[in-house]
Amino acid sequence: MLLLAPCLTTKAQQGFYVPKKGKVYFSGDTATIFSNVVNQGKLGIDKKAVVNFKGKKWTNDADALITDEGNKGEDASGTGGALRFNGIDSGRQQLDGGYNAATRSGAAFDNLDIQNVYGVELTGSTTKVRNNLHFTAGNVYLQNNTLVIGDRSPGTITGYDSIHFIITGSSGTGLLVRENIRSRDNWVIFPIGTDDNAYTPAGIRSHSSQGDDYHARVNDGVKKDLFTGNELKEQGVNKTWELGKRNYPNSGDADIALQHLTADEGSLFSANRRYAYVSQYTGAGWDTSSPQVYPVPGMLTSATALAGSGVNTRTVGSNLSSASYFTKFTGKGDTAGAFTHVWLNGYRLDRSTVNVYWTTKPEVNIRYFVVERRLSNESAFKKRDSLPSKAVNGYSNSYLNYTLNDANNYTGISYYRLRLIDYNGDSMYSNTVAVGGKPGGYQLLLWPNPAARNFYVGVNGAASVKYVVIWNVLGQMIHRELVNDRNIIPMSLWLPGNYLVGFISNSGQLLETKKLVVTGD
């Protein structure tokens, strides 16, 4: 049923027109609009309603709304129905969404269904779908516009495959955004490609419970200096993906997955695809990363795995900025430790000795380990000692434990790391740990301080510590972390300000507190 508000005018207008103070509400069942739509007021679709749109162009004014059951159809605070673009007789349909991504305001569809074999193209402004974008037939062509999926969550995209997806264009000018991706969302897929026959999607899996808006687009070609320089087609897959975070760039780990077409592989890549890897562009050029492995079948689809496609993944750590660029190349096999997982730690035994210990699983092609140290008053790491690998021929799939005592009576903080040397003479580095200089007793280490968001707490010495606790300036406890025999504990705070960090013994005694400054930069 269609309900028309009394304020809807009868002004002569071509097509279906909702004026600025007008209201149209589809309250239930199925309705069909055969003409163009211009929405300058409130056009509502109840959760029980389905609207078929068969006109050529749908336009939402910047001040218009797409309402739902919320507040009796006056806003979009509830659940809405589905809008289907299925005007095949109109050819490719057009959508001017009227959403403002910068201010997060304007019209937003609850559910959008693409049912036109010729597809739907975005024109003029950003389009937002709060809940679900579904593909029945055809593609979405972003042109130079942005498509936002989700509303304080990533939303859902369904029905996508190698012939139903979102096209960002051969020059990658369109942008697909998915809101508030968190670790609990697991893999979130961006079903994008450069044209009708070039489905090259991306996936993101955040490791952080702090949500962020991620975007993706892809364009044809790979250049030596990203936007300039020689084409690197032969050693790659002739695609460059842009991935980025809106709210907290360069913070929090994430996994990315990129899917390419085997038809796009250059001759060098095709001949050495067993060493394929995801490469990120840095200021120094395209980097070399791991793992270097055969691409797995094209799994970034809502259907069965796609033949003629390959997926490679990479963990990007905290280097995903507001706009980071990736492609795929092949190497000569993994560099040292590419599959080796190593956990390094250390603590002070007494006034003159620091114990450095580490565990590996698996350990791949490692010949020996070099322990390196930098004192806080030094500018470079120096070799302290080395240990050979315990793995037979450098390979092990079991836990292997190593320990080494370093003569160290420095009164400040000492930093330790490992250099892993493989049988080819190549090397890689482990994480870095800090050990305090205060001899005897216990010590709480806190670094860096001030911290942007991420910081570490180190517990050294003989004290039996159960919890690390954080209080705000009002004295309210905002976090409590169980130590569980850890010496180094990574932590983070997102709200700038001053805090107190302390640690609590097993008996409940407050052993020590330190002031922490979080800048939020």
Protein backbone atom coordinates (compact mmCIF):
# COMPACT_ATOMS: atom_id res chain seq x y z
CA MET A 1 0.00 0.00 0.00
CA LEU A 2 1.19 3.53 -0.81
CA LEU A 3 0.45 6.32 1.66
CA LEU A 4 0.80 9.94 0.52
CA ALA A 5 1.25 12.63 3.14
CA PRO A 6 -1.12 15.61 2.84
CA CYS A 7 1.84 17.93 2.16
CA LEU A 8 2.72 16.20 -1.11
CA THR A 9 2.23 18.84 -3.81
CA THR A 10 0.64 18.42 -7.21
CA LYS A 11 3.16 20.68 -8.92
CA ALA A 12 3.77 19.55 -12.50
CA GLN A 13 6.94 17.46 -12.51
CA GLN A 14 8.28 14.82 -14.86
CA GLY A 15 8.29 11.40 -13.21
CA PHE A 16 7.84 10.48 -9.56
CA TYR A 17 8.52 13.61 -7.48
CA VAL A 18 8.66 14.14 -3.70
CA PRO A 19 9.02 17.87 -2.89
CA LYS A 20 11.10 19.24 -0.02
CA LYS A 21 8.27 19.15 2.50
CA GLY A 22 6.58 16.15 0.99
CA LYS A 23 6.38 12.60 2.25
CA VAL A 24 5.70 9.35 0.43
CA TYR A 25 5.63 6.12 2.39
CA PHE A 26 5.35 2.58 0.98
CA SER A 27 3.76 0.79 3.91
CA GLY A 28 3.63 -2.80 2.66
CA ASP A 29 3.36 -5.33 -0.17
CA THR A 30 5.04 -4.63 -3.53
CA ALA A 31 4.89 -1.41 -5.55
CA THR A 32 6.42 -0.44 -8.89
CA ILE A 33 7.68 2.94 -10.11
CA PHE A 34 7.94 3.15 -13.90
CA SER A 35 9.29 6.70 -14.21
CA ASN A 36 12.31 8.61 -12.97
CA VAL A 37 12.40 9.47 -9.25
CA VAL A 38 13.36 12.82 -7.76
CA ASN A 39 13.28 12.74 -3.96
CA GLN A 40 13.70 16.08 -2.22
CA GLY A 41 11.68 15.20 0.87
CA LYS A 42 10.99 11.93 2.65
CA LEU A 43 10.53 8.74 0.69
CA GLY A 44 9.86 5.85 3.04
CA ILE A 45 9.96 2.07 2.51
CA ASP A 46 8.51 0.04 5.37
CA LYS A 47 10.18 -3.22 6.41
CA LYS A 48 7.24 -5.11 4.87
CA ALA A 49 7.45 -3.26 1.55
CA VAL A 50 9.30 -3.95 -1.71
CA VAL A 51 9.65 -1.21 -4.34
CA ASN A 52 10.52 -2.09 -7.93
CA PHE A 53 12.19 0.78 -9.77
CA LYS A 54 11.94 0.58 -13.58
CA GLY A 55 12.74 4.18 -14.47
CA LYS A 56 16.02 5.46 -15.85
CA LYS A 57 17.33 7.55 -12.93
CA TRP A 58 16.75 7.78 -9.20
CA THR A 59 17.90 11.06 -7.57
CA ASN A 60 17.98 11.89 -3.87
CA ASP A 61 18.44 15.56 -3.05
CA ALA A 62 21.18 16.42 -0.52
CA ASP A 63 18.53 17.19 2.11
CA ALA A 64 16.28 14.23 1.31
CA LEU A 65 15.78 11.09 3.39
CA ILE A 66 14.96 7.46 2.75
CA THR A 67 12.88 6.62 5.82
CA ASP A 68 11.75 3.32 7.33
CA GLU A 69 9.42 2.17 10.11
CA GLY A 70 11.25 4.33 12.65
CA ASN A 71 9.24 7.10 14.29
CA LYS A 72 6.18 6.28 12.16
CA GLY A 73 8.08 6.71 8.91
CA GLU A 74 9.64 10.06 9.82
CA ASP A 75 13.27 8.88 10.03
CA ALA A 76 15.58 5.90 9.43
CA SER A 77 15.92 4.64 13.01
CA GLY A 78 14.22 1.28 12.39
CA THR A 79 14.13 -1.42 9.73
CA GLY A 80 13.39 -0.70 6.11
CA GLY A 81 12.29 -2.72 3.11
CA ALA A 82 13.94 -3.43 -0.24
CA LEU A 83 14.42 -1.29 -3.32
CA ARG A 84 14.95 -3.24 -6.52
CA PHE A 85 16.58 -1.72 -9.58
CA ASN A 86 15.07 -3.91 -12.30
CA GLY A 87 14.24 -1.59 -15.18
CA ILE A 88 15.72 -3.68 -17.96
CA ASP A 89 13.87 -1.67 -20.61
CA SER A 90 15.79 1.42 -19.43
CA GLY A 91 19.18 -0.15 -20.11
CA ARG A 92 21.76 0.77 -17.49
CA GLN A 93 19.96 2.60 -14.68
CA GLN A 94 21.41 5.53 -12.73
CA LEU A 95 21.46 6.35 -9.03
CA ASP A 96 22.37 9.69 -7.45
CA GLY A 97 22.33 8.66 -3.78
CA GLY A 98 22.53 12.09 -2.13
CA TYR A 99 24.55 10.82 0.86
CA ASN A 100 27.32 12.93 2.39
CA ALA A 101 30.10 10.56 3.56
CA ALA A 102 32.08 13.38 5.18
CA THR A 103 29.25 14.43 7.51
CA ARG A 104 27.63 10.98 7.59
CA SER A 105 24.27 12.48 6.72
CA GLY A 106 21.67 12.27 3.98
CA ALA A 107 19.61 9.58 2.31
CA ALA A 108 20.59 5.94 2.83
CA PHE A 109 18.81 2.84 1.53
CA ASP A 110 18.19 0.00 3.94
CA ASN A 111 18.35 -2.79 1.35
CA LEU A 112 19.25 -2.45 -2.33
CA ASP A 113 18.81 -5.25 -4.86
CA ILE A 114 20.51 -5.06 -8.28
CA GLN A 115 18.25 -6.93 -10.73
CA ASN A 116 19.17 -5.23 -14.01
CA VAL A 117 21.41 -7.23 -16.38
CA TYR A 118 22.70 -3.92 -17.75
CA GLY A 119 23.67 -2.78 -14.27
CA VAL A 120 23.31 0.37 -12.19
CA GLU A 121 25.75 3.30 -12.30
CA LEU A 122 26.29 5.89 -9.58
CA THR A 123 26.19 9.54 -10.60
CA GLY A 124 26.66 12.85 -8.87
CA SER A 125 27.16 11.86 -5.23
CA THR A 126 27.79 9.10 -2.70
CA THR A 127 25.28 6.29 -2.24
CA LYS A 128 24.86 4.50 1.07
CA VAL A 129 23.22 1.13 1.82
CA ARG A 130 22.74 0.66 5.55
CA ASN A 131 22.02 -3.04 5.65
CA ASN A 132 22.32 -5.28 2.57
CA LEU A 133 23.40 -4.89 -1.05
CA HIS A 134 22.30 -7.92 -3.05
CA PHE A 135 23.21 -8.90 -6.61
CA THR A 136 20.59 -10.76 -8.62
CA ALA A 137 21.75 -9.61 -12.05
CA GLY A 138 24.18 -7.00 -13.36
CA ASN A 139 26.93 -4.89 -11.81
CA VAL A 140 27.25 -1.61 -9.92
CA TYR A 141 29.42 0.95 -11.72
CA LEU A 142 30.90 3.48 -9.31
CA GLN A 143 32.28 5.85 -11.96
CA ASN A 144 33.95 8.63 -9.89
CA ASN A 145 31.70 8.10 -6.87
CA THR A 146 31.69 6.36 -3.50
CA LEU A 147 29.48 3.51 -2.33
CA VAL A 148 29.15 3.04 1.46
CA ILE A 149 27.90 -0.25 2.90
CA GLY A 150 26.88 -0.58 6.54
CA ASP A 151 25.82 1.67 9.37
CA ARG A 152 28.17 1.39 12.37
CA SER A 153 28.85 -2.12 11.06
CA PRO A 154 30.15 -3.52 7.74
CA GLY A 155 26.65 -4.42 6.56
CA THR A 156 26.38 -7.32 4.11
CA ILE A 157 26.92 -7.83 0.40
CA THR A 158 25.37 -10.97 -1.04
CA GLY A 159 25.06 -12.67 -4.41
CA TYR A 160 28.42 -11.40 -5.69
CA ASP A 161 30.65 -13.49 -7.96
CA SER A 162 32.78 -13.03 -11.07
CA ILE A 163 29.85 -11.61 -13.09
CA HIS A 164 27.97 -9.69 -10.36
CA PHE A 165 30.16 -7.19 -8.52
CA ILE A 166 31.17 -3.55 -8.01
CA ILE A 167 33.26 -1.88 -10.70
CA THR A 168 35.64 0.84 -9.53
CA GLY A 169 36.89 1.53 -13.09
CA SER A 170 40.12 0.80 -14.97
CA SER A 171 41.70 3.89 -13.43
CA GLY A 172 40.31 3.08 -9.97
CA THR A 173 38.37 6.30 -9.41
CA GLY A 174 35.39 4.74 -7.61
CA LEU A 175 35.56 3.82 -3.93
CA LEU A 176 33.83 1.09 -1.90
CA VAL A 177 33.60 1.75 1.86
CA ARG A 178 32.49 -0.67 4.56
CA GLU A 179 31.84 0.79 7.99
CA ASN A 180 33.22 -0.11 11.42
CA ILE A 181 35.07 -3.36 10.68
CA ARG A 182 36.25 -5.14 13.85
CA SER A 183 38.00 -8.39 14.70
CA ARG A 184 34.69 -10.11 15.43
CA ASP A 185 33.60 -9.55 11.81
CA ASN A 186 36.30 -11.98 10.58
CA TRP A 187 36.91 -11.60 6.82
CA VAL A 188 35.00 -8.72 5.19
CA ILE A 189 34.98 -8.95 1.39
CA PHE A 190 35.14 -6.02 -1.04
CA PRO A 191 33.75 -7.54 -4.30
CA ILE A 192 35.37 -5.11 -6.74
CA GLY A 193 36.90 -5.15 -10.22
CA THR A 194 38.08 -2.83 -12.95
CA ASP A 195 35.49 -3.74 -15.62
CA ASP A 196 32.80 -6.28 -16.52
CA ASN A 197 35.26 -9.12 -17.11
CA ALA A 198 37.86 -8.26 -14.47
CA TYR A 199 36.67 -9.37 -11.02
CA THR A 200 39.63 -8.70 -8.71
CA PRO A 201 38.25 -8.43 -5.14
CA ALA A 202 39.95 -7.74 -1.82
CA GLY A 203 39.32 -8.96 1.72
CA ILE A 204 40.19 -7.42 5.09
CA ARG A 205 40.31 -9.12 8.48
CA SER A 206 40.97 -6.72 11.34
CA HIS A 207 42.79 -7.92 14.46
CA SER A 208 41.44 -5.02 16.53
CA SER A 209 38.29 -4.75 18.61
CA GLN A 210 38.38 -1.02 17.81
CA GLY A 211 36.16 -0.58 14.74
CA ASP A 212 37.22 1.39 11.68
CA ASP A 213 35.83 2.29 8.26
CA TYR A 214 37.87 0.59 5.53
CA HIS A 215 37.81 1.33 1.80
CA ALA A 216 39.01 -0.47 -1.32
CA ARG A 217 39.37 0.11 -5.03
CA VAL A 218 41.43 -1.41 -7.83
CA ASN A 219 42.88 -0.14 -11.09
CA ASP A 220 44.69 -1.62 -14.08
CA GLY A 221 48.49 -1.53 -14.26
CA VAL A 222 51.43 -1.45 -11.84
CA LYS A 223 54.05 1.30 -12.08
CA LYS A 224 57.54 1.29 -10.59
CA ASP A 225 56.96 4.53 -8.69
CA LEU A 226 53.25 3.87 -8.04
CA PHE A 227 51.84 6.62 -10.29
CA THR A 228 54.85 7.09 -12.56
CA GLY A 229 57.75 5.11 -13.97
CA ASN A 230 57.98 1.87 -15.90
CA GLU A 231 55.13 -0.61 -16.04
CA LEU A 232 55.86 -3.78 -14.04
CA LYS A 233 53.42 -5.98 -15.91
CA GLU A 234 55.66 -8.98 -16.62
CA GLN A 235 56.60 -9.72 -13.00
CA GLY A 236 53.17 -8.99 -11.58
CA VAL A 237 49.41 -9.30 -12.10
CA ASN A 238 48.79 -5.90 -13.75
CA LYS A 239 46.55 -4.65 -10.93
CA THR A 240 47.06 -2.12 -8.13
CA TRP A 241 44.73 -2.20 -5.12
CA GLU A 242 44.19 0.76 -2.82
CA LEU A 243 43.13 -0.11 0.72
CA GLY A 244 42.74 2.35 3.58
CA LYS A 245 41.34 3.16 7.02
CA ARG A 246 39.37 6.29 7.82
CA ASN A 247 39.52 6.80 11.58
CA TYR A 248 42.70 5.19 12.94
CA PRO A 249 45.24 4.85 10.14
CA ASN A 250 48.60 3.19 10.86
CA SER A 251 47.33 1.44 13.97
CA GLY A 252 46.17 -2.10 14.66
CA ASP A 253 47.08 -5.24 12.75
CA ALA A 254 45.03 -6.53 9.82
CA ASP A 255 45.18 -9.33 7.27
CA ILE A 256 44.48 -8.56 3.64
CA ALA A 257 43.58 -10.91 0.79
CA LEU A 258 43.86 -9.99 -2.89
CA GLN A 259 42.39 -12.02 -5.75
CA HIS A 260 43.71 -11.70 -9.32
CA LEU A 261 42.88 -13.30 -12.65
CA THR A 262 45.42 -15.73 -14.06
CA ALA A 263 44.83 -14.06 -17.45
CA ASP A 264 46.40 -10.89 -16.00
CA GLU A 265 49.62 -12.61 -14.92
CA GLY A 266 52.79 -11.42 -16.63
CA SER A 267 55.14 -13.98 -18.15
CA LEU A 268 57.65 -13.85 -15.26
CA PHE A 269 54.89 -14.11 -12.69
CA SER A 270 53.24 -17.02 -14.48
CA ALA A 271 56.53 -18.93 -14.68
CA ASN A 272 57.26 -18.40 -10.95
CA ARG A 273 53.81 -18.22 -9.40
CA ARG A 274 54.84 -20.66 -6.65
CA TYR A 275 56.66 -17.67 -5.13
CA ALA A 276 53.74 -15.23 -5.36
CA TYR A 277 53.39 -12.61 -2.63
CA VAL A 278 51.51 -9.40 -1.83
CA SER A 279 53.69 -6.31 -2.14
CA GLN A 280 53.04 -2.92 -0.51
CA TYR A 281 54.31 0.36 -1.93
CA THR A 282 56.53 2.27 0.49
CA GLY A 283 58.45 5.48 0.03
CA ALA A 284 61.39 3.37 -1.14
CA GLY A 285 59.34 1.41 -3.70
CA TRP A 286 57.48 -1.90 -3.74
CA ASP A 287 58.54 -4.13 -0.84
CA THR A 288 59.19 -7.87 -0.69
CA SER A 289 57.00 -9.78 1.73
CA SER A 290 55.88 -13.19 2.88
CA PRO A 291 54.49 -15.73 2.60
CA GLN A 292 55.69 -16.51 -0.92
CA VAL A 293 53.39 -19.33 -2.03
CA TYR A 294 51.15 -20.53 -4.83
CA PRO A 295 47.93 -18.48 -5.04
CA VAL A 296 45.00 -20.45 -3.68
CA PRO A 297 41.79 -20.82 -5.76
CA GLY A 298 39.62 -17.70 -6.10
CA MET A 299 37.68 -17.94 -2.83
CA LEU A 300 36.60 -14.28 -2.50
CA THR A 301 33.11 -14.94 -3.76
CA SER A 302 29.71 -15.80 -2.34
CA ALA A 303 29.55 -18.72 -4.78
CA THR A 304 31.99 -21.61 -5.36
CA ALA A 305 35.69 -20.88 -5.77
CA LEU A 306 36.45 -19.27 -9.11
CA ALA A 307 38.58 -21.04 -11.69
CA GLY A 308 41.20 -18.86 -13.35
CA SER A 309 41.69 -16.78 -10.18
CA GLY A 310 44.23 -16.80 -7.38
CA VAL A 311 44.27 -15.38 -3.83
CA ASN A 312 47.28 -14.34 -1.77
CA THR A 313 47.19 -12.98 1.77
CA ARG A 314 49.44 -10.83 3.93
CA THR A 315 49.46 -9.41 7.45
CA VAL A 316 50.13 -5.68 7.22
CA GLY A 317 50.72 -4.91 10.89
CA SER A 318 50.13 -1.26 11.71
CA ASN A 319 51.09 0.04 8.25
CA LEU A 320 47.66 0.37 6.72
CA SER A 321 47.27 4.11 6.26
CA SER A 322 44.40 6.24 5.01
CA ALA A 323 45.50 5.15 1.51
CA SER A 324 47.92 2.23 1.09
CA TYR A 325 48.73 0.51 -2.20
CA PHE A 326 49.28 -3.17 -2.94
CA THR A 327 49.98 -5.47 -5.86
CA LYS A 328 51.43 -8.96 -6.38
CA PHE A 329 54.88 -10.05 -7.54
CA THR A 330 56.96 -13.21 -7.40
CA GLY A 331 60.27 -13.73 -5.63
CA LYS A 332 62.87 -16.49 -5.38
CA GLY A 333 61.36 -18.24 -2.42
CA ASP A 334 60.88 -16.83 1.05
CA THR A 335 63.52 -14.76 2.73
CA ALA A 336 64.82 -15.94 6.07
CA GLY A 337 62.14 -16.84 8.55
CA ALA A 338 59.26 -15.97 6.26
CA PHE A 339 57.30 -18.83 7.78
CA THR A 340 59.17 -18.86 11.07
CA HIS A 341 57.14 -17.65 14.03
CA VAL A 342 59.31 -16.41 16.87
CA TRP A 343 58.38 -15.03 20.31
CA LEU A 344 61.18 -13.10 22.04
CA ASN A 345 61.31 -11.94 25.66
CA GLY A 346 63.82 -11.04 28.33
CA TYR A 347 64.21 -10.09 32.01
CA ARG A 348 66.96 -9.08 34.43
CA LEU A 349 68.37 -11.93 36.54
CA ASP A 350 70.53 -9.73 38.76
CA ARG A 351 72.69 -6.61 38.72
CA SER A 352 74.98 -7.91 36.02
CA THR A 353 72.94 -10.33 33.89
CA VAL A 354 69.93 -10.24 31.57
CA ASN A 355 68.27 -13.46 30.44
CA VAL A 356 67.07 -13.37 26.80
CA TYR A 357 64.80 -16.23 25.73
CA TRP A 358 62.69 -17.09 22.69
CA THR A 359 60.46 -19.79 21.25
CA THR A 360 59.84 -20.79 17.63
CA LYS A 361 57.06 -22.75 15.95
CA PRO A 362 57.40 -23.49 13.12
CA GLU A 363 61.04 -22.87 12.30
CA VAL A 364 61.83 -22.82 8.59
CA ASN A 365 65.30 -22.83 7.01
CA ILE A 366 66.99 -21.08 9.97
CA ARG A 367 70.71 -21.73 10.48
CA TYR A 368 71.39 -19.61 13.58
CA PHE A 369 70.16 -16.69 15.70
CA VAL A 370 72.08 -13.52 16.58
CA VAL A 371 71.13 -11.70 19.78
CA GLU A 372 71.48 -7.93 19.34
CA ARG A 373 71.25 -5.22 22.01
CA ARG A 374 70.86 -1.45 22.08
CA LEU A 375 71.17 0.53 25.30
CA SER A 376 68.91 3.56 25.68
CA ASN A 377 71.91 5.87 25.32
CA GLU A 378 73.04 4.19 22.08
CA SER A 379 71.82 4.80 18.53
CA ALA A 380 72.38 1.34 17.01
CA PHE A 381 72.00 -2.34 17.86
CA LYS A 382 75.18 -4.38 18.43
CA LYS A 383 75.76 -8.13 18.31
CA ARG A 384 76.00 -9.78 21.72
CA ASP A 385 76.09 -13.51 20.99
CA SER A 386 74.64 -16.18 18.69
CA LEU A 387 73.05 -19.61 19.00
CA PRO A 388 72.65 -22.30 16.32
CA SER A 389 69.20 -23.57 15.37
CA LYS A 390 67.99 -26.63 17.23
CA ALA A 391 65.91 -27.69 14.23
CA VAL A 392 67.22 -30.56 12.13
CA ASN A 393 68.51 -28.97 8.92
CA GLY A 394 66.84 -25.75 10.03
CA TYR A 395 63.26 -27.05 9.89
CA SER A 396 60.90 -27.87 12.75
CA ASN A 397 57.14 -27.88 13.29
CA SER A 398 57.40 -28.24 17.08
CA TYR A 399 58.02 -25.68 19.81
CA LEU A 400 61.76 -25.02 20.20
CA ASN A 401 62.98 -23.03 23.19
CA TYR A 402 66.20 -21.00 23.37
CA THR A 403 67.83 -19.01 26.18
CA LEU A 404 70.96 -16.88 26.51
CA ASN A 405 72.44 -14.84 29.36
CA ASP A 406 73.85 -11.44 28.47
CA ALA A 407 76.35 -9.61 30.67
CA ASN A 408 74.58 -6.31 31.31
CA ASN A 409 74.94 -3.93 34.29
CA TYR A 410 73.44 -0.92 32.53
CA THR A 411 71.20 1.16 34.82
CA GLY A 412 68.85 2.34 32.06
CA ILE A 413 66.59 0.44 29.66
CA SER A 414 68.15 -2.13 27.31
CA TYR A 415 66.50 -3.19 24.04
CA TYR A 416 66.98 -6.69 22.59
CA ARG A 417 66.11 -8.25 19.25
CA LEU A 418 67.02 -11.34 17.21
CA ARG A 419 68.49 -11.52 13.74
CA LEU A 420 67.51 -14.82 12.09
CA ILE A 421 70.01 -16.10 9.50
CA ASP A 422 68.93 -18.71 6.96
CA TYR A 423 71.01 -21.24 5.02
CA ASN A 424 71.27 -18.83 2.08
CA GLY A 425 72.79 -16.13 4.28
CA ASP A 426 69.66 -13.95 4.16
CA SER A 427 68.31 -12.49 7.38
CA MET A 428 65.24 -11.07 9.09
CA TYR A 429 64.54 -9.50 12.50
CA SER A 430 62.25 -10.46 15.37
CA ASN A 431 60.24 -8.10 17.54
CA THR A 432 62.13 -5.86 19.98
CA VAL A 433 61.76 -6.16 23.78
CA ALA A 434 62.81 -3.81 26.58
CA VAL A 435 64.50 -4.85 29.81
CA GLY A 436 64.91 -2.51 32.77
CA GLY A 437 68.18 -1.62 34.45
CA LYS A 438 67.00 -1.55 38.05
CA PRO A 439 68.79 -4.49 39.71
CA GLY A 440 66.94 -6.74 42.11
CA GLY A 441 63.36 -6.57 43.36
CA TYR A 442 60.67 -5.80 40.82
CA GLN A 443 60.16 -3.08 38.21
CA LEU A 444 57.30 -1.79 36.13
CA LEU A 445 58.42 -0.59 32.70
CA LEU A 446 56.20 1.63 30.59
CA TRP A 447 57.13 2.60 27.04
CA PRO A 448 56.80 4.63 24.92
CA ASN A 449 55.62 7.44 27.20
CA PRO A 450 54.02 9.66 25.96
CA ALA A 451 52.29 7.15 23.65
CA ALA A 452 50.13 7.83 20.61
CA ARG A 453 47.75 4.94 21.34
CA ASN A 454 49.74 1.71 21.66
CA PHE A 455 52.19 1.10 24.50
CA TYR A 456 53.83 -1.73 26.44
CA VAL A 457 54.02 -2.66 30.10
CA GLY A 458 57.02 -4.73 31.18
CA VAL A 459 57.10 -6.70 34.44
CA ASN A 460 60.65 -7.61 35.45
CA GLY A 461 62.06 -9.20 38.58
CA ALA A 462 60.85 -11.48 41.29
CA ALA A 463 57.55 -9.85 42.20
CA SER A 464 54.45 -12.01 41.80
CA VAL A 465 52.16 -9.81 39.71
CA LYS A 466 48.56 -10.76 38.95
CA TYR A 467 47.04 -7.70 37.24
CA VAL A 468 48.04 -4.56 35.38
CA VAL A 469 45.43 -1.86 36.07
CA ILE A 470 44.72 1.48 34.37
CA TRP A 471 42.89 4.38 36.07
CA ASN A 472 41.75 7.66 34.52
CA VAL A 473 42.34 11.07 36.15
CA LEU A 474 39.10 10.71 38.13
CA GLY A 475 40.43 7.57 39.77
CA GLN A 476 38.04 5.28 37.89
CA MET A 477 39.45 1.90 36.84
CA ILE A 478 38.98 1.65 33.08
CA HIS A 479 40.94 -1.54 32.37
CA ARG A 480 42.34 -4.57 34.20
CA GLU A 481 44.69 -7.00 32.43
CA LEU A 482 45.58 -10.46 33.79
CA VAL A 483 49.37 -10.91 33.55
CA ASN A 484 49.54 -14.72 33.36
CA ASP A 485 53.35 -14.85 33.78
CA ARG A 486 53.97 -12.52 30.84
CA ASN A 487 56.93 -10.16 31.00
CA ILE A 488 55.88 -7.87 28.14
CA ILE A 489 52.21 -6.90 27.76
CA PRO A 490 50.99 -4.89 24.74
CA MET A 491 48.18 -2.45 25.56
CA SER A 492 46.36 0.48 23.95
CA LEU A 493 44.20 3.47 24.85
CA TRP A 494 42.26 5.45 22.27
CA LEU A 495 41.16 8.52 24.22
CA PRO A 496 43.91 11.17 24.69
CA GLY A 497 44.67 12.18 28.26
CA ASN A 498 46.59 11.36 31.44
CA TYR A 499 46.33 7.94 33.08
CA LEU A 500 47.83 5.96 35.95
CA VAL A 501 49.16 2.47 35.26
CA GLY A 502 49.87 0.14 38.16
CA PHE A 503 50.38 -3.50 38.93
CA ILE A 504 48.72 -5.58 41.61
CA SER A 505 50.24 -8.56 43.44
CA ASN A 506 48.53 -11.91 43.98
CA SER A 507 47.64 -10.75 47.49
CA GLY A 508 45.93 -7.62 46.14
CA GLN A 509 48.72 -5.20 47.10
CA LEU A 510 49.39 -2.21 44.83
CA LEU A 511 53.11 -2.55 44.12
CA GLU A 512 53.81 0.48 41.93
CA THR A 513 52.11 3.09 39.71
CA LYS A 514 53.36 5.22 36.84
CA LYS A 515 51.81 8.14 34.98
CA LEU A 516 51.04 7.57 31.27
CA VAL A 517 50.30 10.30 28.74
CA VAL A 518 48.27 9.33 25.64
CA THR A 519 48.43 11.88 22.82
CA GLY A 520 46.11 10.18 20.32
CA ASP A 521 48.33 11.39 17.43
